[in-house]
Structure formats: C-alpha cells, structure tokens
Amino acid sequence: MTNKKWLAAGAVLVVAVLAVVGGVTAAGAMGGDDHEQPITGAALEQASAAALAHTGGGTVTETEVEDEESYHEVEVTLDDGSQVDVQLDEEFNVVGSEGDGDGSGDDDGPNDD
C-alpha cells in the first residue's frame, strides 16, 4: 500500500472509532448558524475521511452541507490547536481548504493561481 492509501485507511478507522463513541456526530451538530445543516450518516463518514486525509490527521469538529463555498465543509482541528476548513464537492473530492490564519491551510481552491 502506498502512504496515501495507508493514510486514507487510517482516517477511515479514526472516523469509525469516533462515530462509535458519538464524538463525530456531536461535533457535526455543534456551532454555527441555525440554518446550517450538519453532514450526517454515511456522507459524514466519507466527508470526514476525505478531510482528515487532506489535513494529515486531526479531529473533525464541525461539518456543514451546502456551505456557501462548496457542497460540503468539514472543519478539522489539528493537534497544534489550529483549524482548517476543508471544502469538498458532492463526490467528496477536496476543492479547497483554508486555515485559521496561522498558515495551516493551503488555500488550494479551484480559482487559486
């Protein structure tokens, strides 16, 4: 297996463990405006796995369906406490990400040069 496959498999395992203890479900429902809808069900597992693979780890702390910037948004808190918002399309492909101002995000959106 390549490193990316191991990382993706590890991310899926982390998401599954968090889902069993209820951490991801609770995190997806936290915060935000009242009209924001968290990602749920199998989509939550796929979106979380994609976001964690993109960031190289961390903890999913918030999710949103049909965000103003993309179809799915997953907020990941990294081990150093910084946060990265990962933007995903309908097929859970990363279309961009943005850090909380500390350089942790890579701002690789579709319109970046």
PDB file of N, CA and C in Angstrom:
ATOM      1  N   MET A   1       0.842  -1.192   0.000  1.00  0.00           N
ATOM      2  CA  MET A   1       0.000   0.000   0.000  1.00  0.00           C
ATOM      3  C   MET A   1       0.877   1.241   0.000  1.00  0.00           C
ATOM      4  N   THR A   2       0.414   2.233  -0.719  1.00  0.00           N
ATOM      5  CA  THR A   2       1.139   3.489  -0.721  1.00  0.00           C
ATOM      6  C   THR A   2       0.823   4.258   0.561  1.00  0.00           C
ATOM      7  N   ASN A   3       1.654   5.272   0.825  1.00  0.00           N
ATOM      8  CA  ASN A   3       1.432   6.084   2.025  1.00  0.00           C
ATOM      9  C   ASN A   3       0.055   6.734   2.014  1.00  0.00           C
ATOM     10  N   LYS A   4      -0.402   7.198   0.838  1.00  0.00           N
ATOM     11  CA  LYS A   4      -1.721   7.831   0.757  1.00  0.00           C
ATOM     12  C   LYS A   4      -2.824   6.833   1.099  1.00  0.00           C
ATOM     13  N   LYS A   5      -2.678   5.605   0.626  1.00  0.00           N
ATOM     14  CA  LYS A   5      -3.696   4.589   0.935  1.00  0.00           C
ATOM     15  C   LYS A   5      -3.692   4.273   2.427  1.00  0.00           C
ATOM     16  N   TRP A   6      -2.512   4.189   3.024  1.00  0.00           N
ATOM     17  CA  TRP A   6      -2.438   3.941   4.471  1.00  0.00           C
ATOM     18  C   TRP A   6      -3.054   5.103   5.237  1.00  0.00           C
ATOM     19  N   LEU A   7      -2.768   6.319   4.800  1.00  0.00           N
ATOM     20  CA  LEU A   7      -3.317   7.500   5.453  1.00  0.00           C
ATOM     21  C   LEU A   7      -4.835   7.522   5.334  1.00  0.00           C
ATOM     22  N   ALA A   8      -5.339   7.223   4.148  1.00  0.00           N
ATOM     23  CA  ALA A   8      -6.793   7.203   3.954  1.00  0.00           C
ATOM     24  C   ALA A   8      -7.427   6.096   4.798  1.00  0.00           C
ATOM     25  N   ALA A   9      -6.793   4.918   4.841  1.00  0.00           N
ATOM     26  CA  ALA A   9      -7.322   3.826   5.660  1.00  0.00           C
ATOM     27  C   ALA A   9      -7.302   4.203   7.135  1.00  0.00           C
ATOM     28  N   GLY A  10      -6.252   4.858   7.556  1.00  0.00           N
ATOM     29  CA  GLY A  10      -6.170   5.311   8.953  1.00  0.00           C
ATOM     30  C   GLY A  10      -7.231   6.342   9.262  1.00  0.00           C
ATOM     31  N   ALA A  11      -7.480   7.246   8.320  1.00  0.00           N
ATOM     32  CA  ALA A  11      -8.505   8.273   8.520  1.00  0.00           C
ATOM     33  C   ALA A  11      -9.881   7.642   8.643  1.00  0.00           C
ATOM     34  N   VAL A  12     -10.162   6.643   7.816  1.00  0.00           N
ATOM     35  CA  VAL A  12     -11.447   5.950   7.891  1.00  0.00           C
ATOM     36  C   VAL A  12     -11.584   5.249   9.236  1.00  0.00           C
ATOM     37  N   LEU A  13     -10.523   4.647   9.708  1.00  0.00           N
ATOM     38  CA  LEU A  13     -10.556   3.976  11.010  1.00  0.00           C
ATOM     39  C   LEU A  13     -10.805   4.974  12.136  1.00  0.00           C
ATOM     40  N   VAL A  14     -10.138   6.108  12.089  1.00  0.00           N
ATOM     41  CA  VAL A  14     -10.337   7.146  13.101  1.00  0.00           C
ATOM     42  C   VAL A  14     -11.788   7.609  13.102  1.00  0.00           C
ATOM     43  N   VAL A  15     -12.337   7.841  11.916  1.00  0.00           N
ATOM     44  CA  VAL A  15     -13.722   8.296  11.809  1.00  0.00           C
ATOM     45  C   VAL A  15     -14.673   7.239  12.385  1.00  0.00           C
ATOM     46  N   ALA A  16     -14.422   5.976  12.070  1.00  0.00           N
ATOM     47  CA  ALA A  16     -15.287   4.916  12.576  1.00  0.00           C
ATOM     48  C   ALA A  16     -15.257   4.850  14.097  1.00  0.00           C
ATOM     49  N   VAL A  17     -14.070   4.962  14.679  1.00  0.00           N
ATOM     50  CA  VAL A  17     -13.947   4.934  16.135  1.00  0.00           C
ATOM     51  C   VAL A  17     -14.672   6.122  16.757  1.00  0.00           C
ATOM     52  N   LEU A  18     -14.482   7.303  16.185  1.00  0.00           N
ATOM     53  CA  LEU A  18     -15.165   8.487  16.703  1.00  0.00           C
ATOM     54  C   LEU A  18     -16.676   8.361  16.589  1.00  0.00           C
ATOM     55  N   ALA A  19     -17.146   7.778  15.502  1.00  0.00           N
ATOM     56  CA  ALA A  19     -18.586   7.617  15.319  1.00  0.00           C
ATOM     57  C   ALA A  19     -19.160   6.672  16.369  1.00  0.00           C
ATOM     58  N   VAL A  20     -18.417   5.618  16.707  1.00  0.00           N
ATOM     59  CA  VAL A  20     -18.890   4.666  17.712  1.00  0.00           C
ATOM     60  C   VAL A  20     -19.078   5.336  19.065  1.00  0.00           C
ATOM     61  N   VAL A  21     -18.174   6.202  19.430  1.00  0.00           N
ATOM     62  CA  VAL A  21     -18.288   6.863  20.738  1.00  0.00           C
ATOM     63  C   VAL A  21     -19.131   8.134  20.671  1.00  0.00           C
ATOM     64  N   GLY A  22     -19.619   8.473  19.488  1.00  0.00           N
ATOM     65  CA  GLY A  22     -20.507   9.620  19.346  1.00  0.00           C
ATOM     66  C   GLY A  22     -19.814  10.950  19.168  1.00  0.00           C
ATOM     67  N   GLY A  23     -18.515  10.963  19.117  1.00  0.00           N
ATOM     68  CA  GLY A  23     -17.788  12.225  19.017  1.00  0.00           C
ATOM     69  C   GLY A  23     -18.020  12.961  17.720  1.00  0.00           C
ATOM     70  N   VAL A  24     -18.000  12.262  16.602  1.00  0.00           N
ATOM     71  CA  VAL A  24     -18.168  12.918  15.316  1.00  0.00           C
ATOM     72  C   VAL A  24     -19.598  13.423  15.166  1.00  0.00           C
ATOM     73  N   THR A  25     -20.589  12.643  15.597  1.00  0.00           N
ATOM     74  CA  THR A  25     -21.973  13.070  15.480  1.00  0.00           C
ATOM     75  C   THR A  25     -22.214  14.324  16.294  1.00  0.00           C
ATOM     76  N   ALA A  26     -21.717  14.358  17.510  1.00  0.00           N
ATOM     77  CA  ALA A  26     -21.886  15.542  18.354  1.00  0.00           C
ATOM     78  C   ALA A  26     -21.142  16.734  17.762  1.00  0.00           C
ATOM     79  N   ALA A  27     -19.965  16.506  17.240  1.00  0.00           N
ATOM     80  CA  ALA A  27     -19.183  17.597  16.670  1.00  0.00           C
ATOM     81  C   ALA A  27     -19.862  18.168  15.435  1.00  0.00           C
ATOM     82  N   GLY A  28     -20.486  17.337  14.630  1.00  0.00           N
ATOM     83  CA  GLY A  28     -21.156  17.800  13.431  1.00  0.00           C
ATOM     84  C   GLY A  28     -22.354  18.678  13.734  1.00  0.00           C
ATOM     85  N   ALA A  29     -22.945  18.509  14.896  1.00  0.00           N
ATOM     86  CA  ALA A  29     -24.125  19.291  15.260  1.00  0.00           C
ATOM     87  C   ALA A  29     -23.777  20.562  16.027  1.00  0.00           C
ATOM     88  N   MET A  30     -22.517  20.769  16.368  1.00  0.00           N
ATOM     89  CA  MET A  30     -22.123  21.919  17.173  1.00  0.00           C
ATOM     90  C   MET A  30     -22.009  23.182  16.347  1.00  0.00           C
ATOM     91  N   GLY A  31     -22.238  24.296  17.016  1.00  0.00           N
ATOM     92  CA  GLY A  31     -21.889  25.610  16.493  1.00  0.00           C
ATOM     93  C   GLY A  31     -22.604  26.003  15.224  1.00  0.00           C
ATOM     94  N   GLY A  32     -22.287  27.204  14.763  1.00  0.00           N
ATOM     95  CA  GLY A  32     -22.798  27.688  13.503  1.00  0.00           C
ATOM     96  C   GLY A  32     -24.169  28.307  13.611  1.00  0.00           C
ATOM     97  N   ASP A  33     -24.652  28.796  12.478  1.00  0.00           N
ATOM     98  CA  ASP A  33     -25.973  29.393  12.400  1.00  0.00           C
ATOM     99  C   ASP A  33     -27.041  28.318  12.486  1.00  0.00           C
ATOM    100  N   ASP A  34     -28.251  28.745  12.862  1.00  0.00           N
ATOM    101  CA  ASP A  34     -29.355  27.805  12.990  1.00  0.00           C
ATOM    102  C   ASP A  34     -29.742  27.172  11.658  1.00  0.00           C
ATOM    103  N   HIS A  35     -29.527  27.870  10.521  1.00  0.00           N
ATOM    104  CA  HIS A  35     -29.910  27.327   9.225  1.00  0.00           C
ATOM    105  C   HIS A  35     -28.862  26.391   8.631  1.00  0.00           C
ATOM    106  N   GLU A  36     -27.697  26.302   9.232  1.00  0.00           N
ATOM    107  CA  GLU A  36     -26.662  25.397   8.741  1.00  0.00           C
ATOM    108  C   GLU A  36     -27.029  23.966   9.123  1.00  0.00           C
ATOM    109  N   GLN A  37     -26.870  23.070   8.165  1.00  0.00           N
ATOM    110  CA  GLN A  37     -27.192  21.667   8.391  1.00  0.00           C
ATOM    111  C   GLN A  37     -25.907  20.851   8.462  1.00  0.00           C
ATOM    112  N   PRO A  38     -25.710  20.070   9.549  1.00  0.00           N
ATOM    113  CA  PRO A  38     -24.521  19.222   9.627  1.00  0.00           C
ATOM    114  C   PRO A  38     -24.616  18.053   8.653  1.00  0.00           C
ATOM    115  N   ILE A  39     -23.477  17.538   8.272  1.00  0.00           N
ATOM    116  CA  ILE A  39     -23.422  16.334   7.442  1.00  0.00           C
ATOM    117  C   ILE A  39     -23.777  15.160   8.351  1.00  0.00           C
ATOM    118  N   THR A  40     -24.565  14.215   7.855  1.00  0.00           N
ATOM    119  CA  THR A  40     -24.979  13.076   8.665  1.00  0.00           C
ATOM    120  C   THR A  40     -24.779  11.766   7.912  1.00  0.00           C
ATOM    121  N   GLY A  41     -24.913  10.669   8.630  1.00  0.00           N
ATOM    122  CA  GLY A  41     -24.907   9.333   8.049  1.00  0.00           C
ATOM    123  C   GLY A  41     -23.618   8.965   7.349  1.00  0.00           C
ATOM    124  N   ALA A  42     -23.769   8.206   6.264  1.00  0.00           N
ATOM    125  CA  ALA A  42     -22.610   7.733   5.500  1.00  0.00           C
ATOM    126  C   ALA A  42     -21.839   8.904   4.898  1.00  0.00           C
ATOM    127  N   ALA A  43     -22.550   9.977   4.542  1.00  0.00           N
ATOM    128  CA  ALA A  43     -21.876  11.152   3.979  1.00  0.00           C
ATOM    129  C   ALA A  43     -20.914  11.762   4.997  1.00  0.00           C
ATOM    130  N   LEU A  44     -21.291  11.735   6.281  1.00  0.00           N
ATOM    131  CA  LEU A  44     -20.410  12.248   7.329  1.00  0.00           C
ATOM    132  C   LEU A  44     -19.116  11.444   7.394  1.00  0.00           C
ATOM    133  N   GLU A  45     -19.234  10.128   7.295  1.00  0.00           N
ATOM    134  CA  GLU A  45     -18.038   9.277   7.324  1.00  0.00           C
ATOM    135  C   GLU A  45     -17.135   9.551   6.126  1.00  0.00           C
ATOM    136  N   GLN A  46     -17.725   9.679   4.932  1.00  0.00           N
ATOM    137  CA  GLN A  46     -16.930   9.925   3.725  1.00  0.00           C
ATOM    138  C   GLN A  46     -16.286  11.305   3.756  1.00  0.00           C
ATOM    139  N   ALA A  47     -17.051  12.306   4.149  1.00  0.00           N
ATOM    140  CA  ALA A  47     -16.520  13.671   4.189  1.00  0.00           C
ATOM    141  C   ALA A  47     -15.410  13.785   5.232  1.00  0.00           C
ATOM    142  N   SER A  48     -15.620  13.179   6.387  1.00  0.00           N
ATOM    143  CA  SER A  48     -14.604  13.224   7.442  1.00  0.00           C
ATOM    144  C   SER A  48     -13.327  12.533   7.007  1.00  0.00           C
ATOM    145  N   ALA A  49     -13.464  11.363   6.378  1.00  0.00           N
ATOM    146  CA  ALA A  49     -12.280  10.628   5.914  1.00  0.00           C
ATOM    147  C   ALA A  49     -11.501  11.443   4.879  1.00  0.00           C
ATOM    148  N   ALA A  50     -12.213  12.077   3.953  1.00  0.00           N
ATOM    149  CA  ALA A  50     -11.552  12.878   2.923  1.00  0.00           C
ATOM    150  C   ALA A  50     -10.836  14.077   3.538  1.00  0.00           C
ATOM    151  N   ALA A  51     -11.503  14.746   4.480  1.00  0.00           N
ATOM    152  CA  ALA A  51     -10.901  15.924   5.115  1.00  0.00           C
ATOM    153  C   ALA A  51      -9.687  15.546   5.950  1.00  0.00           C
ATOM    154  N   LEU A  52      -9.784  14.460   6.714  1.00  0.00           N
ATOM    155  CA  LEU A  52      -8.657  14.034   7.551  1.00  0.00           C
ATOM    156  C   LEU A  52      -7.482  13.564   6.695  1.00  0.00           C
ATOM    157  N   ALA A  53      -7.767  12.921   5.578  1.00  0.00           N
ATOM    158  CA  ALA A  53      -6.682  12.512   4.669  1.00  0.00           C
ATOM    159  C   ALA A  53      -5.995  13.755   4.102  1.00  0.00           C
ATOM    160  N   HIS A  54      -6.781  14.789   3.789  1.00  0.00           N
ATOM    161  CA  HIS A  54      -6.223  16.030   3.229  1.00  0.00           C
ATOM    162  C   HIS A  54      -5.341  16.752   4.247  1.00  0.00           C
ATOM    163  N   THR A  55      -5.780  16.797   5.506  1.00  0.00           N
ATOM    164  CA  THR A  55      -5.031  17.522   6.530  1.00  0.00           C
ATOM    165  C   THR A  55      -3.931  16.683   7.161  1.00  0.00           C
ATOM    166  N   GLY A  56      -3.932  15.397   6.916  1.00  0.00           N
ATOM    167  CA  GLY A  56      -2.930  14.523   7.520  1.00  0.00           C
ATOM    168  C   GLY A  56      -3.256  14.172   8.962  1.00  0.00           C
ATOM    169  N   GLY A  57      -4.496  14.312   9.363  1.00  0.00           N
ATOM    170  CA  GLY A  57      -4.921  13.967  10.718  1.00  0.00           C
ATOM    171  C   GLY A  57      -5.646  15.119  11.368  1.00  0.00           C
ATOM    172  N   GLY A  58      -5.931  14.949  12.653  1.00  0.00           N
ATOM    173  CA  GLY A  58      -6.669  15.949  13.408  1.00  0.00           C
ATOM    174  C   GLY A  58      -7.993  15.380  13.868  1.00  0.00           C
ATOM    175  N   THR A  59      -8.897  16.269  14.275  1.00  0.00           N
ATOM    176  CA  THR A  59     -10.215  15.877  14.762  1.00  0.00           C
ATOM    177  C   THR A  59     -11.276  16.692  14.046  1.00  0.00           C
ATOM    178  N   VAL A  60     -12.286  16.025  13.539  1.00  0.00           N
ATOM    179  CA  VAL A  60     -13.402  16.724  12.913  1.00  0.00           C
ATOM    180  C   VAL A  60     -14.193  17.410  14.024  1.00  0.00           C
ATOM    181  N   THR A  61     -14.346  18.739  13.919  1.00  0.00           N
ATOM    182  CA  THR A  61     -15.019  19.486  14.974  1.00  0.00           C
ATOM    183  C   THR A  61     -16.326  20.120  14.519  1.00  0.00           C
ATOM    184  N   GLU A  62     -16.561  20.212  13.214  1.00  0.00           N
ATOM    185  CA  GLU A  62     -17.817  20.762  12.712  1.00  0.00           C
ATOM    186  C   GLU A  62     -17.960  20.400  11.248  1.00  0.00           C
ATOM    187  N   THR A  63     -19.211  20.225  10.808  1.00  0.00           N
ATOM    188  CA  THR A  63     -19.471  19.924   9.403  1.00  0.00           C
ATOM    189  C   THR A  63     -20.673  20.733   8.936  1.00  0.00           C
ATOM    190  N   GLU A  64     -20.761  20.897   7.607  1.00  0.00           N
ATOM    191  CA  GLU A  64     -21.892  21.631   7.044  1.00  0.00           C
ATOM    192  C   GLU A  64     -22.168  21.149   5.622  1.00  0.00           C
ATOM    193  N   VAL A  65     -23.448  20.940   5.322  1.00  0.00           N
ATOM    194  CA  VAL A  65     -23.874  20.584   3.974  1.00  0.00           C
ATOM    195  C   VAL A  65     -24.247  21.858   3.239  1.00  0.00           C
ATOM    196  N   GLU A  66     -23.896  21.914   1.958  1.00  0.00           N
ATOM    197  CA  GLU A  66     -24.204  23.043   1.089  1.00  0.00           C
ATOM    198  C   GLU A  66     -23.719  24.366   1.672  1.00  0.00           C
ATOM    199  N   ASP A  67     -22.470  24.361   2.053  1.00  0.00           N
ATOM    200  CA  ASP A  67     -21.788  25.572   2.510  1.00  0.00           C
ATOM    201  C   ASP A  67     -21.741  26.570   1.365  1.00  0.00           C
ATOM    202  N   GLU A  68     -21.590  27.853   1.682  1.00  0.00           N
ATOM    203  CA  GLU A  68     -21.553  28.869   0.632  1.00  0.00           C
ATOM    204  C   GLU A  68     -20.350  28.721  -0.298  1.00  0.00           C
ATOM    205  N   GLU A  69     -19.332  27.995   0.104  1.00  0.00           N
ATOM    206  CA  GLU A  69     -18.122  27.841  -0.699  1.00  0.00           C
ATOM    207  C   GLU A  69     -18.035  26.497  -1.426  1.00  0.00           C
ATOM    208  N   SER A  70     -18.792  25.506  -0.974  1.00  0.00           N
ATOM    209  CA  SER A  70     -18.713  24.182  -1.574  1.00  0.00           C
ATOM    210  C   SER A  70     -19.934  23.367  -1.156  1.00  0.00           C
ATOM    211  N   TYR A  71     -20.002  22.133  -1.641  1.00  0.00           N
ATOM    212  CA  TYR A  71     -21.138  21.281  -1.278  1.00  0.00           C
ATOM    213  C   TYR A  71     -21.036  20.813   0.172  1.00  0.00           C
ATOM    214  N   HIS A  72     -19.838  20.414   0.600  1.00  0.00           N
ATOM    215  CA  HIS A  72     -19.597  20.009   1.984  1.00  0.00           C
ATOM    216  C   HIS A  72     -18.439  20.829   2.547  1.00  0.00           C
ATOM    217  N   GLU A  73     -18.533  21.160   3.825  1.00  0.00           N
ATOM    218  CA  GLU A  73     -17.410  21.781   4.522  1.00  0.00           C
ATOM    219  C   GLU A  73     -17.154  20.985   5.800  1.00  0.00           C
ATOM    220  N   VAL A  74     -15.899  20.649   6.015  1.00  0.00           N
ATOM    221  CA  VAL A  74     -15.504  19.923   7.218  1.00  0.00           C
ATOM    222  C   VAL A  74     -14.431  20.726   7.924  1.00  0.00           C
ATOM    223  N   GLU A  75     -14.697  21.084   9.163  1.00  0.00           N
ATOM    224  CA  GLU A  75     -13.710  21.798   9.972  1.00  0.00           C
ATOM    225  C   GLU A  75     -12.904  20.766  10.746  1.00  0.00           C
ATOM    226  N   VAL A  76     -11.582  20.845  10.609  1.00  0.00           N
ATOM    227  CA  VAL A  76     -10.673  19.923  11.284  1.00  0.00           C
ATOM    228  C   VAL A  76      -9.792  20.727  12.231  1.00  0.00           C
ATOM    229  N   THR A  77      -9.726  20.298  13.491  1.00  0.00           N
ATOM    230  CA  THR A  77      -8.798  20.890  14.448  1.00  0.00           C
ATOM    231  C   THR A  77      -7.560  20.009  14.490  1.00  0.00           C
ATOM    232  N   LEU A  78      -6.430  20.614  14.166  1.00  0.00           N
ATOM    233  CA  LEU A  78      -5.158  19.881  14.139  1.00  0.00           C
ATOM    234  C   LEU A  78      -4.602  19.723  15.550  1.00  0.00           C
ATOM    235  N   ASP A  79      -3.603  18.862  15.694  1.00  0.00           N
ATOM    236  CA  ASP A  79      -3.006  18.590  17.001  1.00  0.00           C
ATOM    237  C   ASP A  79      -2.429  19.835  17.658  1.00  0.00           C
ATOM    238  N   ASP A  80      -2.015  20.827  16.861  1.00  0.00           N
ATOM    239  CA  ASP A  80      -1.450  22.058  17.432  1.00  0.00           C
ATOM    240  C   ASP A  80      -2.531  23.072  17.810  1.00  0.00           C
ATOM    241  N   GLY A  81      -3.813  22.704  17.643  1.00  0.00           N
ATOM    242  CA  GLY A  81      -4.918  23.578  18.009  1.00  0.00           C
ATOM    243  C   GLY A  81      -5.426  24.448  16.878  1.00  0.00           C
ATOM    244  N   SER A  82      -4.712  24.505  15.763  1.00  0.00           N
ATOM    245  CA  SER A  82      -5.169  25.297  14.627  1.00  0.00           C
ATOM    246  C   SER A  82      -6.317  24.572  13.926  1.00  0.00           C
ATOM    247  N   GLN A  83      -7.089  25.329  13.162  1.00  0.00           N
ATOM    248  CA  GLN A  83      -8.234  24.765  12.463  1.00  0.00           C
ATOM    249  C   GLN A  83      -8.102  24.961  10.971  1.00  0.00           C
ATOM    250  N   VAL A  84      -8.578  23.970  10.222  1.00  0.00           N
ATOM    251  CA  VAL A  84      -8.589  24.016   8.772  1.00  0.00           C
ATOM    252  C   VAL A  84      -9.998  23.669   8.310  1.00  0.00           C
ATOM    253  N   ASP A  85     -10.585  24.529   7.472  1.00  0.00           N
ATOM    254  CA  ASP A  85     -11.861  24.236   6.843  1.00  0.00           C
ATOM    255  C   ASP A  85     -11.570  23.608   5.487  1.00  0.00           C
ATOM    256  N   VAL A  86     -12.018  22.362   5.312  1.00  0.00           N
ATOM    257  CA  VAL A  86     -11.785  21.642   4.065  1.00  0.00           C
ATOM    258  C   VAL A  86     -13.080  21.655   3.259  1.00  0.00           C
ATOM    259  N   GLN A  87     -13.002  22.153   2.033  1.00  0.00           N
ATOM    260  CA  GLN A  87     -14.151  22.239   1.137  1.00  0.00           C
ATOM    261  C   GLN A  87     -14.160  21.012   0.226  1.00  0.00           C
ATOM    262  N   LEU A  88     -15.329  20.363   0.116  1.00  0.00           N
ATOM    263  CA  LEU A  88     -15.480  19.152  -0.685  1.00  0.00           C
ATOM    264  C   LEU A  88     -16.622  19.308  -1.677  1.00  0.00           C
ATOM    265  N   ASP A  89     -16.499  18.644  -2.832  1.00  0.00           N
ATOM    266  CA  ASP A  89     -17.607  18.629  -3.780  1.00  0.00           C
ATOM    267  C   ASP A  89     -18.573  17.500  -3.424  1.00  0.00           C
ATOM    268  N   GLU A  90     -19.572  17.252  -4.259  1.00  0.00           N
ATOM    269  CA  GLU A  90     -20.587  16.243  -3.975  1.00  0.00           C
ATOM    270  C   GLU A  90     -20.026  14.822  -3.946  1.00  0.00           C
ATOM    271  N   GLU A  91     -18.878  14.606  -4.592  1.00  0.00           N
ATOM    272  CA  GLU A  91     -18.246  13.280  -4.603  1.00  0.00           C
ATOM    273  C   GLU A  91     -17.133  13.177  -3.560  1.00  0.00           C
ATOM    274  N   PHE A  92     -17.072  14.142  -2.644  1.00  0.00           N
ATOM    275  CA  PHE A  92     -16.106  14.174  -1.543  1.00  0.00           C
ATOM    276  C   PHE A  92     -14.671  14.385  -2.013  1.00  0.00           C
ATOM    277  N   ASN A  93     -14.509  15.051  -3.153  1.00  0.00           N
ATOM    278  CA  ASN A  93     -13.193  15.461  -3.618  1.00  0.00           C
ATOM    279  C   ASN A  93     -12.870  16.818  -2.995  1.00  0.00           C
ATOM    280  N   VAL A  94     -11.642  17.005  -2.553  1.00  0.00           N
ATOM    281  CA  VAL A  94     -11.229  18.281  -1.974  1.00  0.00           C
ATOM    282  C   VAL A  94     -11.147  19.321  -3.083  1.00  0.00           C
ATOM    283  N   VAL A  95     -11.854  20.432  -2.888  1.00  0.00           N
ATOM    284  CA  VAL A  95     -11.830  21.522  -3.868  1.00  0.00           C
ATOM    285  C   VAL A  95     -11.180  22.772  -3.285  1.00  0.00           C
ATOM    286  N   GLY A  96     -10.803  22.732  -2.008  1.00  0.00           N
ATOM    287  CA  GLY A  96     -10.128  23.851  -1.379  1.00  0.00           C
ATOM    288  C   GLY A  96     -10.035  23.665   0.117  1.00  0.00           C
ATOM    289  N   SER A  97      -9.189  24.470   0.744  1.00  0.00           N
ATOM    290  CA  SER A  97      -9.084  24.459   2.203  1.00  0.00           C
ATOM    291  C   SER A  97      -8.534  25.801   2.645  1.00  0.00           C
ATOM    292  N   GLU A  98      -8.850  26.134   3.887  1.00  0.00           N
ATOM    293  CA  GLU A  98      -8.413  27.416   4.426  1.00  0.00           C
ATOM    294  C   GLU A  98      -8.124  27.251   5.906  1.00  0.00           C
ATOM    295  N   GLY A  99      -6.939  27.696   6.330  1.00  0.00           N
ATOM    296  CA  GLY A  99      -6.561  27.644   7.733  1.00  0.00           C
ATOM    297  C   GLY A  99      -7.081  28.847   8.482  1.00  0.00           C
ATOM    298  N   ASP A 100      -6.845  28.857   9.797  1.00  0.00           N
ATOM    299  CA  ASP A 100      -7.351  29.946  10.637  1.00  0.00           C
ATOM    300  C   ASP A 100      -6.351  31.092  10.769  1.00  0.00           C
ATOM    301  N   GLY A 101      -5.545  31.313   9.743  1.00  0.00           N
ATOM    302  CA  GLY A 101      -4.638  32.451   9.728  1.00  0.00           C
ATOM    303  C   GLY A 101      -3.236  32.144  10.192  1.00  0.00           C
ATOM    304  N   ASP A 102      -2.970  30.880  10.547  1.00  0.00           N
ATOM    305  CA  ASP A 102      -1.639  30.539  11.040  1.00  0.00           C
ATOM    306  C   ASP A 102      -0.819  29.781  10.002  1.00  0.00           C
ATOM    307  N   GLY A 103      -1.321  29.732   8.776  1.00  0.00           N
ATOM    308  CA  GLY A 103      -0.564  29.061   7.723  1.00  0.00           C
ATOM    309  C   GLY A 103      -0.842  27.578   7.616  1.00  0.00           C
ATOM    310  N   SER A 104      -1.802  27.037   8.410  1.00  0.00           N
ATOM    311  CA  SER A 104      -2.056  25.604   8.378  1.00  0.00           C
ATOM    312  C   SER A 104      -2.851  25.177   7.155  1.00  0.00           C
ATOM    313  N   GLY A 105      -3.645  26.063   6.571  1.00  0.00           N
ATOM    314  CA  GLY A 105      -4.405  25.721   5.380  1.00  0.00           C
ATOM    315  C   GLY A 105      -3.580  26.011   4.150  1.00  0.00           C
ATOM    316  N   ASP A 106      -3.979  25.375   3.044  1.00  0.00           N
ATOM    317  CA  ASP A 106      -3.171  25.570   1.850  1.00  0.00           C
ATOM    318  C   ASP A 106      -3.895  26.378   0.782  1.00  0.00           C
ATOM    319  N   ASP A 107      -5.096  26.850   1.055  1.00  0.00           N
ATOM    320  CA  ASP A 107      -5.837  27.688   0.119  1.00  0.00           C
ATOM    321  C   ASP A 107      -5.719  27.179  -1.309  1.00  0.00           C
ATOM    322  N   ASP A 108      -6.017  25.909  -1.525  1.00  0.00           N
ATOM    323  CA  ASP A 108      -5.878  25.355  -2.874  1.00  0.00           C
ATOM    324  C   ASP A 108      -7.228  25.220  -3.557  1.00  0.00           C
ATOM    325  N   GLY A 109      -8.013  26.267  -3.498  1.00  0.00           N
ATOM    326  CA  GLY A 109      -9.324  26.272  -4.141  1.00  0.00           C
ATOM    327  C   GLY A 109      -9.212  26.240  -5.645  1.00  0.00           C
ATOM    328  N   PRO A 110     -10.339  26.013  -6.323  1.00  0.00           N
ATOM    329  CA  PRO A 110     -10.292  25.862  -7.779  1.00  0.00           C
ATOM    330  C   PRO A 110      -9.895  27.138  -8.510  1.00  0.00           C
ATOM    331  N   ASN A 111     -10.001  28.300  -7.887  1.00  0.00           N
ATOM    332  CA  ASN A 111      -9.663  29.546  -8.555  1.00  0.00           C
ATOM    333  C   ASN A 111      -8.313  30.122  -8.135  1.00  0.00           C
ATOM    334  N   ASP A 112      -7.562  29.387  -7.326  1.00  0.00           N
ATOM    335  CA  ASP A 112      -6.245  29.855  -6.891  1.00  0.00           C
ATOM    336  C   ASP A 112      -5.247  29.734  -8.032  1.00  0.00           C
ATOM    337  N   ASP A 113      -4.306  30.652  -8.086  1.00  0.00           N
ATOM    338  CA  ASP A 113      -3.263  30.603  -9.123  1.00  0.00           C
ATOM    339  C   ASP A 113      -1.972  30.106  -8.575  1.00  0.00           C
TER     340      ASP A 113
END
